[in-house]
Amino acid sequence: MKEKTVQICIRIGEKEKKKLQRNAKKSGLSLSTYLRKTGLKQKIFPIPDKEFYQIYLQICQLKNDIFNIDIDKIEECLEVIEHNFLVIYNSKSNGDDDDGDNKNMGS
């Protein structure tokens, strides 16, 4: 890693600082790294919620077991995964698309 030896000082408001710190935390980055990446227009990825990780694990388990279980069990597992995903989606966005019709979620 390149050694960082130059410092840049800026003045911002308390609300701006808190918002920047929140955004950095969502991405799992230090404030310094977040600001550097933002300023250099590098991609910043938020850390997925633990709930989404649990759904990912369910999908992996189903993938591993797919040839060892019958179609009814596969359908049941997919319904659980779908339900869990929609619960998270609705809790994050109130279930609305931009126009409020929720069409992209099949509901």
PDB file of N, CA and C in Angstrom:
ATOM      1  N   MET A   1       0.840  -1.168   0.000  1.00  0.00           N
ATOM      2  CA  MET A   1       0.000   0.000   0.000  1.00  0.00           C
ATOM      3  C   MET A   1       0.889   1.235   0.000  1.00  0.00           C
ATOM      4  N   LYS A   2       0.470   2.240  -0.744  1.00  0.00           N
ATOM      5  CA  LYS A   2       1.229   3.483  -0.782  1.00  0.00           C
ATOM      6  C   LYS A   2       1.102   4.201   0.546  1.00  0.00           C
ATOM      7  N   GLU A   3       2.210   4.779   0.967  1.00  0.00           N
ATOM      8  CA  GLU A   3       2.218   5.508   2.223  1.00  0.00           C
ATOM      9  C   GLU A   3       1.530   6.848   2.045  1.00  0.00           C
ATOM     10  N   LYS A   4       0.665   7.181   2.941  1.00  0.00           N
ATOM     11  CA  LYS A   4      -0.063   8.444   2.867  1.00  0.00           C
ATOM     12  C   LYS A   4       0.596   9.431   3.817  1.00  0.00           C
ATOM     13  N   THR A   5       1.224  10.437   3.250  1.00  0.00           N
ATOM     14  CA  THR A   5       1.978  11.380   4.063  1.00  0.00           C
ATOM     15  C   THR A   5       1.480  12.813   3.968  1.00  0.00           C
ATOM     16  N   VAL A   6       0.549  13.084   3.037  1.00  0.00           N
ATOM     17  CA  VAL A   6       0.048  14.441   2.845  1.00  0.00           C
ATOM     18  C   VAL A   6      -1.341  14.544   3.453  1.00  0.00           C
ATOM     19  N   GLN A   7      -1.581  15.626   4.158  1.00  0.00           N
ATOM     20  CA  GLN A   7      -2.854  15.820   4.822  1.00  0.00           C
ATOM     21  C   GLN A   7      -3.591  16.982   4.172  1.00  0.00           C
ATOM     22  N   ILE A   8      -4.905  16.861   4.028  1.00  0.00           N
ATOM     23  CA  ILE A   8      -5.751  17.938   3.518  1.00  0.00           C
ATOM     24  C   ILE A   8      -6.732  18.296   4.627  1.00  0.00           C
ATOM     25  N   CYS A   9      -6.806  19.543   4.974  1.00  0.00           N
ATOM     26  CA  CYS A   9      -7.730  19.996   6.012  1.00  0.00           C
ATOM     27  C   CYS A   9      -8.855  20.801   5.363  1.00  0.00           C
ATOM     28  N   ILE A  10     -10.098  20.474   5.731  1.00  0.00           N
ATOM     29  CA  ILE A  10     -11.257  21.217   5.241  1.00  0.00           C
ATOM     30  C   ILE A  10     -12.168  21.510   6.413  1.00  0.00           C
ATOM     31  N   ARG A  11     -13.034  22.479   6.228  1.00  0.00           N
ATOM     32  CA  ARG A  11     -14.010  22.810   7.262  1.00  0.00           C
ATOM     33  C   ARG A  11     -15.396  22.442   6.735  1.00  0.00           C
ATOM     34  N   ILE A  12     -16.137  21.737   7.581  1.00  0.00           N
ATOM     35  CA  ILE A  12     -17.504  21.366   7.240  1.00  0.00           C
ATOM     36  C   ILE A  12     -18.367  21.536   8.474  1.00  0.00           C
ATOM     37  N   GLY A  13     -19.668  21.540   8.276  1.00  0.00           N
ATOM     38  CA  GLY A  13     -20.599  21.650   9.393  1.00  0.00           C
ATOM     39  C   GLY A  13     -20.734  20.313  10.111  1.00  0.00           C
ATOM     40  N   GLU A  14     -21.270  20.371  11.325  1.00  0.00           N
ATOM     41  CA  GLU A  14     -21.445  19.163  12.133  1.00  0.00           C
ATOM     42  C   GLU A  14     -22.392  18.173  11.460  1.00  0.00           C
ATOM     43  N   LYS A  15     -23.488  18.670  10.847  1.00  0.00           N
ATOM     44  CA  LYS A  15     -24.426  17.796  10.151  1.00  0.00           C
ATOM     45  C   LYS A  15     -23.760  17.117   8.965  1.00  0.00           C
ATOM     46  N   GLU A  16     -22.933  17.870   8.227  1.00  0.00           N
ATOM     47  CA  GLU A  16     -22.231  17.286   7.082  1.00  0.00           C
ATOM     48  C   GLU A  16     -21.278  16.187   7.541  1.00  0.00           C
ATOM     49  N   LYS A  17     -20.581  16.452   8.637  1.00  0.00           N
ATOM     50  CA  LYS A  17     -19.641  15.460   9.163  1.00  0.00           C
ATOM     51  C   LYS A  17     -20.365  14.178   9.563  1.00  0.00           C
ATOM     52  N   LYS A  18     -21.489  14.334  10.243  1.00  0.00           N
ATOM     53  CA  LYS A  18     -22.248  13.158  10.672  1.00  0.00           C
ATOM     54  C   LYS A  18     -22.756  12.361   9.467  1.00  0.00           C
ATOM     55  N   LYS A  19     -23.218  13.073   8.438  1.00  0.00           N
ATOM     56  CA  LYS A  19     -23.699  12.390   7.238  1.00  0.00           C
ATOM     57  C   LYS A  19     -22.554  11.641   6.551  1.00  0.00           C
ATOM     58  N   LEU A  20     -21.390  12.271   6.446  1.00  0.00           N
ATOM     59  CA  LEU A  20     -20.228  11.610   5.844  1.00  0.00           C
ATOM     60  C   LEU A  20     -19.810  10.388   6.660  1.00  0.00           C
ATOM     61  N   GLN A  21     -19.829  10.518   7.974  1.00  0.00           N
ATOM     62  CA  GLN A  21     -19.474   9.387   8.833  1.00  0.00           C
ATOM     63  C   GLN A  21     -20.468   8.245   8.673  1.00  0.00           C
ATOM     64  N   ARG A  22     -21.757   8.572   8.572  1.00  0.00           N
ATOM     65  CA  ARG A  22     -22.784   7.548   8.358  1.00  0.00           C
ATOM     66  C   ARG A  22     -22.563   6.823   7.033  1.00  0.00           C
ATOM     67  N   ASN A  23     -22.300   7.593   5.983  1.00  0.00           N
ATOM     68  CA  ASN A  23     -22.073   6.995   4.669  1.00  0.00           C
ATOM     69  C   ASN A  23     -20.830   6.110   4.673  1.00  0.00           C
ATOM     70  N   ALA A  24     -19.789   6.551   5.340  1.00  0.00           N
ATOM     71  CA  ALA A  24     -18.564   5.756   5.431  1.00  0.00           C
ATOM     72  C   ALA A  24     -18.839   4.452   6.179  1.00  0.00           C
ATOM     73  N   LYS A  25     -19.580   4.546   7.266  1.00  0.00           N
ATOM     74  CA  LYS A  25     -19.893   3.351   8.067  1.00  0.00           C
ATOM     75  C   LYS A  25     -20.718   2.353   7.261  1.00  0.00           C
ATOM     76  N   LYS A  26     -21.704   2.847   6.482  1.00  0.00           N
ATOM     77  CA  LYS A  26     -22.526   1.966   5.648  1.00  0.00           C
ATOM     78  C   LYS A  26     -21.675   1.182   4.663  1.00  0.00           C
ATOM     79  N   SER A  27     -20.567   1.770   4.253  1.00  0.00           N
ATOM     80  CA  SER A  27     -19.683   1.125   3.285  1.00  0.00           C
ATOM     81  C   SER A  27     -18.570   0.331   3.943  1.00  0.00           C
ATOM     82  N   GLY A  28     -18.500   0.379   5.262  1.00  0.00           N
ATOM     83  CA  GLY A  28     -17.451  -0.341   5.974  1.00  0.00           C
ATOM     84  C   GLY A  28     -16.075   0.305   5.804  1.00  0.00           C
ATOM     85  N   LEU A  29     -16.058   1.601   5.535  1.00  0.00           N
ATOM     86  CA  LEU A  29     -14.798   2.311   5.297  1.00  0.00           C
ATOM     87  C   LEU A  29     -14.551   3.317   6.412  1.00  0.00           C
ATOM     88  N   SER A  30     -13.281   3.649   6.593  1.00  0.00           N
ATOM     89  CA  SER A  30     -12.965   4.759   7.488  1.00  0.00           C
ATOM     90  C   SER A  30     -13.410   6.044   6.788  1.00  0.00           C
ATOM     91  N   LEU A  31     -13.587   7.103   7.541  1.00  0.00           N
ATOM     92  CA  LEU A  31     -13.981   8.375   6.948  1.00  0.00           C
ATOM     93  C   LEU A  31     -12.938   8.840   5.941  1.00  0.00           C
ATOM     94  N   SER A  32     -11.686   8.681   6.281  1.00  0.00           N
ATOM     95  CA  SER A  32     -10.598   9.085   5.388  1.00  0.00           C
ATOM     96  C   SER A  32     -10.652   8.324   4.061  1.00  0.00           C
ATOM     97  N   THR A  33     -10.801   7.018   4.136  1.00  0.00           N
ATOM     98  CA  THR A  33     -10.871   6.200   2.920  1.00  0.00           C
ATOM     99  C   THR A  33     -12.121   6.545   2.116  1.00  0.00           C
ATOM    100  N   TYR A  34     -13.245   6.741   2.803  1.00  0.00           N
ATOM    101  CA  TYR A  34     -14.486   7.103   2.124  1.00  0.00           C
ATOM    102  C   TYR A  34     -14.317   8.418   1.352  1.00  0.00           C
ATOM    103  N   LEU A  35     -13.757   9.426   2.004  1.00  0.00           N
ATOM    104  CA  LEU A  35     -13.566  10.722   1.351  1.00  0.00           C
ATOM    105  C   LEU A  35     -12.590  10.623   0.178  1.00  0.00           C
ATOM    106  N   ARG A  36     -11.547   9.840   0.352  1.00  0.00           N
ATOM    107  CA  ARG A  36     -10.571   9.655  -0.725  1.00  0.00           C
ATOM    108  C   ARG A  36     -11.226   8.986  -1.928  1.00  0.00           C
ATOM    109  N   LYS A  37     -11.972   7.924  -1.691  1.00  0.00           N
ATOM    110  CA  LYS A  37     -12.643   7.216  -2.790  1.00  0.00           C
ATOM    111  C   LYS A  37     -13.685   8.108  -3.468  1.00  0.00           C
ATOM    112  N   THR A  38     -14.433   8.852  -2.673  1.00  0.00           N
ATOM    113  CA  THR A  38     -15.436   9.749  -3.231  1.00  0.00           C
ATOM    114  C   THR A  38     -14.774  10.818  -4.092  1.00  0.00           C
ATOM    115  N   GLY A  39     -13.737  11.417  -3.576  1.00  0.00           N
ATOM    116  CA  GLY A  39     -13.037  12.469  -4.308  1.00  0.00           C
ATOM    117  C   GLY A  39     -12.375  11.983  -5.585  1.00  0.00           C
ATOM    118  N   LEU A  40     -11.955  10.732  -5.594  1.00  0.00           N
ATOM    119  CA  LEU A  40     -11.308  10.157  -6.776  1.00  0.00           C
ATOM    120  C   LEU A  40     -12.300   9.426  -7.681  1.00  0.00           C
ATOM    121  N   LYS A  41     -13.593   9.558  -7.364  1.00  0.00           N
ATOM    122  CA  LYS A  41     -14.684   8.950  -8.143  1.00  0.00           C
ATOM    123  C   LYS A  41     -14.523   7.444  -8.301  1.00  0.00           C
ATOM    124  N   GLN A  42     -14.074   6.796  -7.226  1.00  0.00           N
ATOM    125  CA  GLN A  42     -13.973   5.340  -7.209  1.00  0.00           C
ATOM    126  C   GLN A  42     -15.287   4.773  -6.689  1.00  0.00           C
ATOM    127  N   LYS A  43     -15.603   3.558  -7.098  1.00  0.00           N
ATOM    128  CA  LYS A  43     -16.850   2.939  -6.664  1.00  0.00           C
ATOM    129  C   LYS A  43     -16.812   2.628  -5.176  1.00  0.00           C
ATOM    130  N   ILE A  44     -17.927   2.892  -4.545  1.00  0.00           N
ATOM    131  CA  ILE A  44     -18.098   2.589  -3.126  1.00  0.00           C
ATOM    132  C   ILE A  44     -19.324   1.695  -3.013  1.00  0.00           C
ATOM    133  N   PHE A  45     -19.155   0.545  -2.378  1.00  0.00           N
ATOM    134  CA  PHE A  45     -20.231  -0.416  -2.252  1.00  0.00           C
ATOM    135  C   PHE A  45     -20.683  -0.490  -0.799  1.00  0.00           C
ATOM    136  N   PRO A  46     -21.986  -0.345  -0.560  1.00  0.00           N
ATOM    137  CA  PRO A  46     -22.473  -0.503   0.807  1.00  0.00           C
ATOM    138  C   PRO A  46     -22.365  -1.960   1.242  1.00  0.00           C
ATOM    139  N   ILE A  47     -22.216  -2.164   2.516  1.00  0.00           N
ATOM    140  CA  ILE A  47     -22.186  -3.515   3.070  1.00  0.00           C
ATOM    141  C   ILE A  47     -23.621  -4.043   3.078  1.00  0.00           C
ATOM    142  N   PRO A  48     -23.858  -5.206   2.494  1.00  0.00           N
ATOM    143  CA  PRO A  48     -25.229  -5.747   2.503  1.00  0.00           C
ATOM    144  C   PRO A  48     -25.704  -6.026   3.932  1.00  0.00           C
ATOM    145  N   ASP A  49     -26.999  -5.900   4.119  1.00  0.00           N
ATOM    146  CA  ASP A  49     -27.597  -6.189   5.416  1.00  0.00           C
ATOM    147  C   ASP A  49     -27.396  -7.656   5.772  1.00  0.00           C
ATOM    148  N   LYS A  50     -27.373  -7.947   7.061  1.00  0.00           N
ATOM    149  CA  LYS A  50     -27.249  -9.327   7.531  1.00  0.00           C
ATOM    150  C   LYS A  50     -28.411 -10.182   7.038  1.00  0.00           C
ATOM    151  N   GLU A  51     -29.584  -9.540   6.912  1.00  0.00           N
ATOM    152  CA  GLU A  51     -30.757 -10.279   6.440  1.00  0.00           C
ATOM    153  C   GLU A  51     -30.550 -10.775   5.009  1.00  0.00           C
ATOM    154  N   PHE A  52     -29.949  -9.937   4.157  1.00  0.00           N
ATOM    155  CA  PHE A  52     -29.676 -10.356   2.783  1.00  0.00           C
ATOM    156  C   PHE A  52     -28.635 -11.480   2.755  1.00  0.00           C
ATOM    157  N   TYR A  53     -27.693 -11.427   3.662  1.00  0.00           N
ATOM    158  CA  TYR A  53     -26.696 -12.487   3.733  1.00  0.00           C
ATOM    159  C   TYR A  53     -27.359 -13.813   4.109  1.00  0.00           C
ATOM    160  N   GLN A  54     -28.349 -13.762   4.999  1.00  0.00           N
ATOM    161  CA  GLN A  54     -29.069 -14.976   5.373  1.00  0.00           C
ATOM    162  C   GLN A  54     -29.811 -15.568   4.172  1.00  0.00           C
ATOM    163  N   ILE A  55     -30.391 -14.702   3.344  1.00  0.00           N
ATOM    164  CA  ILE A  55     -31.059 -15.179   2.128  1.00  0.00           C
ATOM    165  C   ILE A  55     -30.040 -15.807   1.188  1.00  0.00           C
ATOM    166  N   TYR A  56     -28.890 -15.183   1.073  1.00  0.00           N
ATOM    167  CA  TYR A  56     -27.818 -15.744   0.247  1.00  0.00           C
ATOM    168  C   TYR A  56     -27.450 -17.154   0.735  1.00  0.00           C
ATOM    169  N   LEU A  57     -27.337 -17.327   2.035  1.00  0.00           N
ATOM    170  CA  LEU A  57     -27.017 -18.647   2.593  1.00  0.00           C
ATOM    171  C   LEU A  57     -28.114 -19.662   2.282  1.00  0.00           C
ATOM    172  N   GLN A  58     -29.367 -19.226   2.335  1.00  0.00           N
ATOM    173  CA  GLN A  58     -30.479 -20.122   2.005  1.00  0.00           C
ATOM    174  C   GLN A  58     -30.395 -20.558   0.539  1.00  0.00           C
ATOM    175  N   ILE A  59     -30.078 -19.630  -0.345  1.00  0.00           N
ATOM    176  CA  ILE A  59     -29.941 -19.958  -1.769  1.00  0.00           C
ATOM    177  C   ILE A  59     -28.790 -20.935  -1.983  1.00  0.00           C
ATOM    178  N   CYS A  60     -27.669 -20.704  -1.316  1.00  0.00           N
ATOM    179  CA  CYS A  60     -26.522 -21.615  -1.433  1.00  0.00           C
ATOM    180  C   CYS A  60     -26.876 -23.012  -0.953  1.00  0.00           C
ATOM    181  N   GLN A  61     -27.601 -23.093   0.162  1.00  0.00           N
ATOM    182  CA  GLN A  61     -28.002 -24.392   0.694  1.00  0.00           C
ATOM    183  C   GLN A  61     -28.910 -25.123  -0.285  1.00  0.00           C
ATOM    184  N   LEU A  62     -29.862 -24.385  -0.865  1.00  0.00           N
ATOM    185  CA  LEU A  62     -30.759 -24.994  -1.843  1.00  0.00           C
ATOM    186  C   LEU A  62     -29.975 -25.468  -3.061  1.00  0.00           C
ATOM    187  N   LYS A  63     -29.050 -24.668  -3.512  1.00  0.00           N
ATOM    188  CA  LYS A  63     -28.212 -25.049  -4.663  1.00  0.00           C
ATOM    189  C   LYS A  63     -27.445 -26.338  -4.370  1.00  0.00           C
ATOM    190  N   ASN A  64     -26.900 -26.447  -3.175  1.00  0.00           N
ATOM    191  CA  ASN A  64     -26.132 -27.638  -2.803  1.00  0.00           C
ATOM    192  C   ASN A  64     -27.000 -28.891  -2.682  1.00  0.00           C
ATOM    193  N   ASP A  65     -28.254 -28.693  -2.291  1.00  0.00           N
ATOM    194  CA  ASP A  65     -29.148 -29.832  -2.054  1.00  0.00           C
ATOM    195  C   ASP A  65     -30.077 -30.138  -3.220  1.00  0.00           C
ATOM    196  N   ILE A  66     -30.023 -29.377  -4.268  1.00  0.00           N
ATOM    197  CA  ILE A  66     -31.052 -29.424  -5.314  1.00  0.00           C
ATOM    198  C   ILE A  66     -31.256 -30.813  -5.919  1.00  0.00           C
ATOM    199  N   PHE A  67     -30.219 -31.593  -6.033  1.00  0.00           N
ATOM    200  CA  PHE A  67     -30.362 -32.917  -6.629  1.00  0.00           C
ATOM    201  C   PHE A  67     -30.703 -34.001  -5.604  1.00  0.00           C
ATOM    202  N   ASN A  68     -30.744 -33.629  -4.324  1.00  0.00           N
ATOM    203  CA  ASN A  68     -31.021 -34.593  -3.272  1.00  0.00           C
ATOM    204  C   ASN A  68     -32.405 -34.433  -2.652  1.00  0.00           C
ATOM    205  N   ILE A  69     -33.167 -33.442  -3.110  1.00  0.00           N
ATOM    206  CA  ILE A  69     -34.504 -33.229  -2.540  1.00  0.00           C
ATOM    207  C   ILE A  69     -35.541 -33.196  -3.662  1.00  0.00           C
ATOM    208  N   ASP A  70     -36.777 -33.480  -3.283  1.00  0.00           N
ATOM    209  CA  ASP A  70     -37.824 -33.533  -4.313  1.00  0.00           C
ATOM    210  C   ASP A  70     -38.324 -32.133  -4.658  1.00  0.00           C
ATOM    211  N   ILE A  71     -39.082 -32.054  -5.735  1.00  0.00           N
ATOM    212  CA  ILE A  71     -39.543 -30.783  -6.281  1.00  0.00           C
ATOM    213  C   ILE A  71     -40.418 -30.019  -5.296  1.00  0.00           C
ATOM    214  N   ASP A  72     -41.206 -30.721  -4.493  1.00  0.00           N
ATOM    215  CA  ASP A  72     -42.061 -30.047  -3.507  1.00  0.00           C
ATOM    216  C   ASP A  72     -41.216 -29.321  -2.459  1.00  0.00           C
ATOM    217  N   LYS A  73     -40.137 -29.959  -2.022  1.00  0.00           N
ATOM    218  CA  LYS A  73     -39.245 -29.337  -1.041  1.00  0.00           C
ATOM    219  C   LYS A  73     -38.525 -28.140  -1.656  1.00  0.00           C
ATOM    220  N   ILE A  74     -38.131 -28.249  -2.924  1.00  0.00           N
ATOM    221  CA  ILE A  74     -37.483 -27.129  -3.618  1.00  0.00           C
ATOM    222  C   ILE A  74     -38.445 -25.948  -3.679  1.00  0.00           C
ATOM    223  N   GLU A  75     -39.689 -26.228  -4.055  1.00  0.00           N
ATOM    224  CA  GLU A  75     -40.690 -25.166  -4.139  1.00  0.00           C
ATOM    225  C   GLU A  75     -40.916 -24.517  -2.773  1.00  0.00           C
ATOM    226  N   GLU A  76     -40.972 -25.335  -1.744  1.00  0.00           N
ATOM    227  CA  GLU A  76     -41.149 -24.822  -0.378  1.00  0.00           C
ATOM    228  C   GLU A  76     -39.984 -23.908   0.016  1.00  0.00           C
ATOM    229  N   CYS A  77     -38.767 -24.335  -0.276  1.00  0.00           N
ATOM    230  CA  CYS A  77     -37.572 -23.532   0.041  1.00  0.00           C
ATOM    231  C   CYS A  77     -37.591 -22.206  -0.712  1.00  0.00           C
ATOM    232  N   LEU A  78     -37.964 -22.260  -1.988  1.00  0.00           N
ATOM    233  CA  LEU A  78     -38.027 -21.036  -2.787  1.00  0.00           C
ATOM    234  C   LEU A  78     -39.090 -20.075  -2.259  1.00  0.00           C
ATOM    235  N   GLU A  79     -40.199 -20.610  -1.785  1.00  0.00           N
ATOM    236  CA  GLU A  79     -41.242 -19.763  -1.211  1.00  0.00           C
ATOM    237  C   GLU A  79     -40.749 -19.077   0.060  1.00  0.00           C
ATOM    238  N   VAL A  80     -40.000 -19.788   0.884  1.00  0.00           N
ATOM    239  CA  VAL A  80     -39.424 -19.196   2.103  1.00  0.00           C
ATOM    240  C   VAL A  80     -38.441 -18.090   1.726  1.00  0.00           C
ATOM    241  N   ILE A  81     -37.578 -18.361   0.755  1.00  0.00           N
ATOM    242  CA  ILE A  81     -36.603 -17.365   0.315  1.00  0.00           C
ATOM    243  C   ILE A  81     -37.322 -16.134  -0.232  1.00  0.00           C
ATOM    244  N   GLU A  82     -38.332 -16.356  -1.071  1.00  0.00           N
ATOM    245  CA  GLU A  82     -39.097 -15.249  -1.632  1.00  0.00           C
ATOM    246  C   GLU A  82     -39.742 -14.420  -0.520  1.00  0.00           C
ATOM    247  N   HIS A  83     -40.359 -15.096   0.444  1.00  0.00           N
ATOM    248  CA  HIS A  83     -41.008 -14.405   1.561  1.00  0.00           C
ATOM    249  C   HIS A  83     -39.994 -13.563   2.342  1.00  0.00           C
ATOM    250  N   ASN A  84     -38.858 -14.166   2.672  1.00  0.00           N
ATOM    251  CA  ASN A  84     -37.832 -13.449   3.436  1.00  0.00           C
ATOM    252  C   ASN A  84     -37.319 -12.230   2.684  1.00  0.00           C
ATOM    253  N   PHE A  85     -37.133 -12.388   1.390  1.00  0.00           N
ATOM    254  CA  PHE A  85     -36.655 -11.270   0.581  1.00  0.00           C
ATOM    255  C   PHE A  85     -37.689 -10.144   0.572  1.00  0.00           C
ATOM    256  N   LEU A  86     -38.957 -10.474   0.373  1.00  0.00           N
ATOM    257  CA  LEU A  86     -39.997  -9.449   0.335  1.00  0.00           C
ATOM    258  C   LEU A  86     -40.174  -8.753   1.679  1.00  0.00           C
ATOM    259  N   VAL A  87     -40.007  -9.486   2.757  1.00  0.00           N
ATOM    260  CA  VAL A  87     -40.083  -8.865   4.087  1.00  0.00           C
ATOM    261  C   VAL A  87     -39.002  -7.796   4.216  1.00  0.00           C
ATOM    262  N   ILE A  88     -37.792  -8.125   3.800  1.00  0.00           N
ATOM    263  CA  ILE A  88     -36.696  -7.152   3.880  1.00  0.00           C
ATOM    264  C   ILE A  88     -36.957  -5.992   2.931  1.00  0.00           C
ATOM    265  N   TYR A  89     -37.327  -6.307   1.702  1.00  0.00           N
ATOM    266  CA  TYR A  89     -37.586  -5.259   0.704  1.00  0.00           C
ATOM    267  C   TYR A  89     -38.652  -4.288   1.201  1.00  0.00           C
ATOM    268  N   ASN A  90     -39.743  -4.819   1.713  1.00  0.00           N
ATOM    269  CA  ASN A  90     -40.827  -3.955   2.172  1.00  0.00           C
ATOM    270  C   ASN A  90     -40.435  -3.145   3.403  1.00  0.00           C
ATOM    271  N   SER A  91     -39.604  -3.686   4.266  1.00  0.00           N
ATOM    272  CA  SER A  91     -39.185  -2.941   5.453  1.00  0.00           C
ATOM    273  C   SER A  91     -38.227  -1.814   5.097  1.00  0.00           C
ATOM    274  N   LYS A  92     -37.485  -1.955   3.997  1.00  0.00           N
ATOM    275  CA  LYS A  92     -36.516  -0.936   3.596  1.00  0.00           C
ATOM    276  C   LYS A  92     -37.150   0.166   2.762  1.00  0.00           C
ATOM    277  N   SER A  93     -38.141  -0.187   1.924  1.00  0.00           N
ATOM    278  CA  SER A  93     -38.644   0.784   0.954  1.00  0.00           C
ATOM    279  C   SER A  93     -40.137   1.036   1.061  1.00  0.00           C
ATOM    280  N   ASN A  94     -40.755   0.518   2.089  1.00  0.00           N
ATOM    281  CA  ASN A  94     -42.211   0.580   2.225  1.00  0.00           C
ATOM    282  C   ASN A  94     -42.914  -0.111   1.067  1.00  0.00           C
ATOM    283  N   GLY A  95     -42.187  -0.946   0.312  1.00  0.00           N
ATOM    284  CA  GLY A  95     -42.789  -1.735  -0.738  1.00  0.00           C
ATOM    285  C   GLY A  95     -43.106  -0.993  -2.010  1.00  0.00           C
ATOM    286  N   ASP A  96     -42.707   0.254  -2.128  1.00  0.00           N
ATOM    287  CA  ASP A  96     -43.073   1.035  -3.299  1.00  0.00           C
ATOM    288  C   ASP A  96     -41.918   1.193  -4.264  1.00  0.00           C
ATOM    289  N   ASP A  97     -42.247   1.072  -5.544  1.00  0.00           N
ATOM    290  CA  ASP A  97     -41.318   1.479  -6.589  1.00  0.00           C
ATOM    291  C   ASP A  97     -41.419   2.994  -6.686  1.00  0.00           C
ATOM    292  N   ASP A  98     -40.689   3.575  -7.624  1.00  0.00           N
ATOM    293  CA  ASP A  98     -40.725   5.021  -7.787  1.00  0.00           C
ATOM    294  C   ASP A  98     -42.139   5.545  -7.999  1.00  0.00           C
ATOM    295  N   ASP A  99     -42.955   4.800  -8.737  1.00  0.00           N
ATOM    296  CA  ASP A  99     -44.319   5.249  -8.988  1.00  0.00           C
ATOM    297  C   ASP A  99     -45.330   4.625  -8.019  1.00  0.00           C
ATOM    298  N   GLY A 100     -44.855   3.836  -7.075  1.00  0.00           N
ATOM    299  CA  GLY A 100     -45.717   3.306  -6.023  1.00  0.00           C
ATOM    300  C   GLY A 100     -46.494   2.056  -6.376  1.00  0.00           C
ATOM    301  N   ASP A 101     -46.273   1.465  -7.564  1.00  0.00           N
ATOM    302  CA  ASP A 101     -47.102   0.321  -7.947  1.00  0.00           C
ATOM    303  C   ASP A 101     -46.507  -1.028  -7.595  1.00  0.00           C
ATOM    304  N   ASN A 102     -45.226  -1.067  -7.216  1.00  0.00           N
ATOM    305  CA  ASN A 102     -44.576  -2.292  -6.759  1.00  0.00           C
ATOM    306  C   ASN A 102     -44.568  -3.391  -7.817  1.00  0.00           C
ATOM    307  N   LYS A 103     -44.677  -3.029  -9.116  1.00  0.00           N
ATOM    308  CA  LYS A 103     -44.753  -4.019 -10.184  1.00  0.00           C
ATOM    309  C   LYS A 103     -43.470  -4.831 -10.322  1.00  0.00           C
ATOM    310  N   ASN A 104     -42.315  -4.220 -10.070  1.00  0.00           N
ATOM    311  CA  ASN A 104     -41.072  -4.963 -10.293  1.00  0.00           C
ATOM    312  C   ASN A 104     -40.843  -6.068  -9.287  1.00  0.00           C
ATOM    313  N   MET A 105     -41.665  -6.156  -8.252  1.00  0.00           N
ATOM    314  CA  MET A 105     -41.519  -7.210  -7.249  1.00  0.00           C
ATOM    315  C   MET A 105     -42.561  -8.303  -7.443  1.00  0.00           C
ATOM    316  N   GLY A 106     -43.313  -8.230  -8.542  1.00  0.00           N
ATOM    317  CA  GLY A 106     -44.269  -9.276  -8.838  1.00  0.00           C
ATOM    318  C   GLY A 106     -45.499  -9.262  -7.963  1.00  0.00           C
ATOM    319  N   SER A 107     -45.733  -8.169  -7.259  1.00  0.00           N
ATOM    320  CA  SER A 107     -46.921  -8.085  -6.394  1.00  0.00           C
ATOM    321  C   SER A 107     -47.981  -7.224  -7.028  1.00  0.00           C
TER     322      SER A 107
END
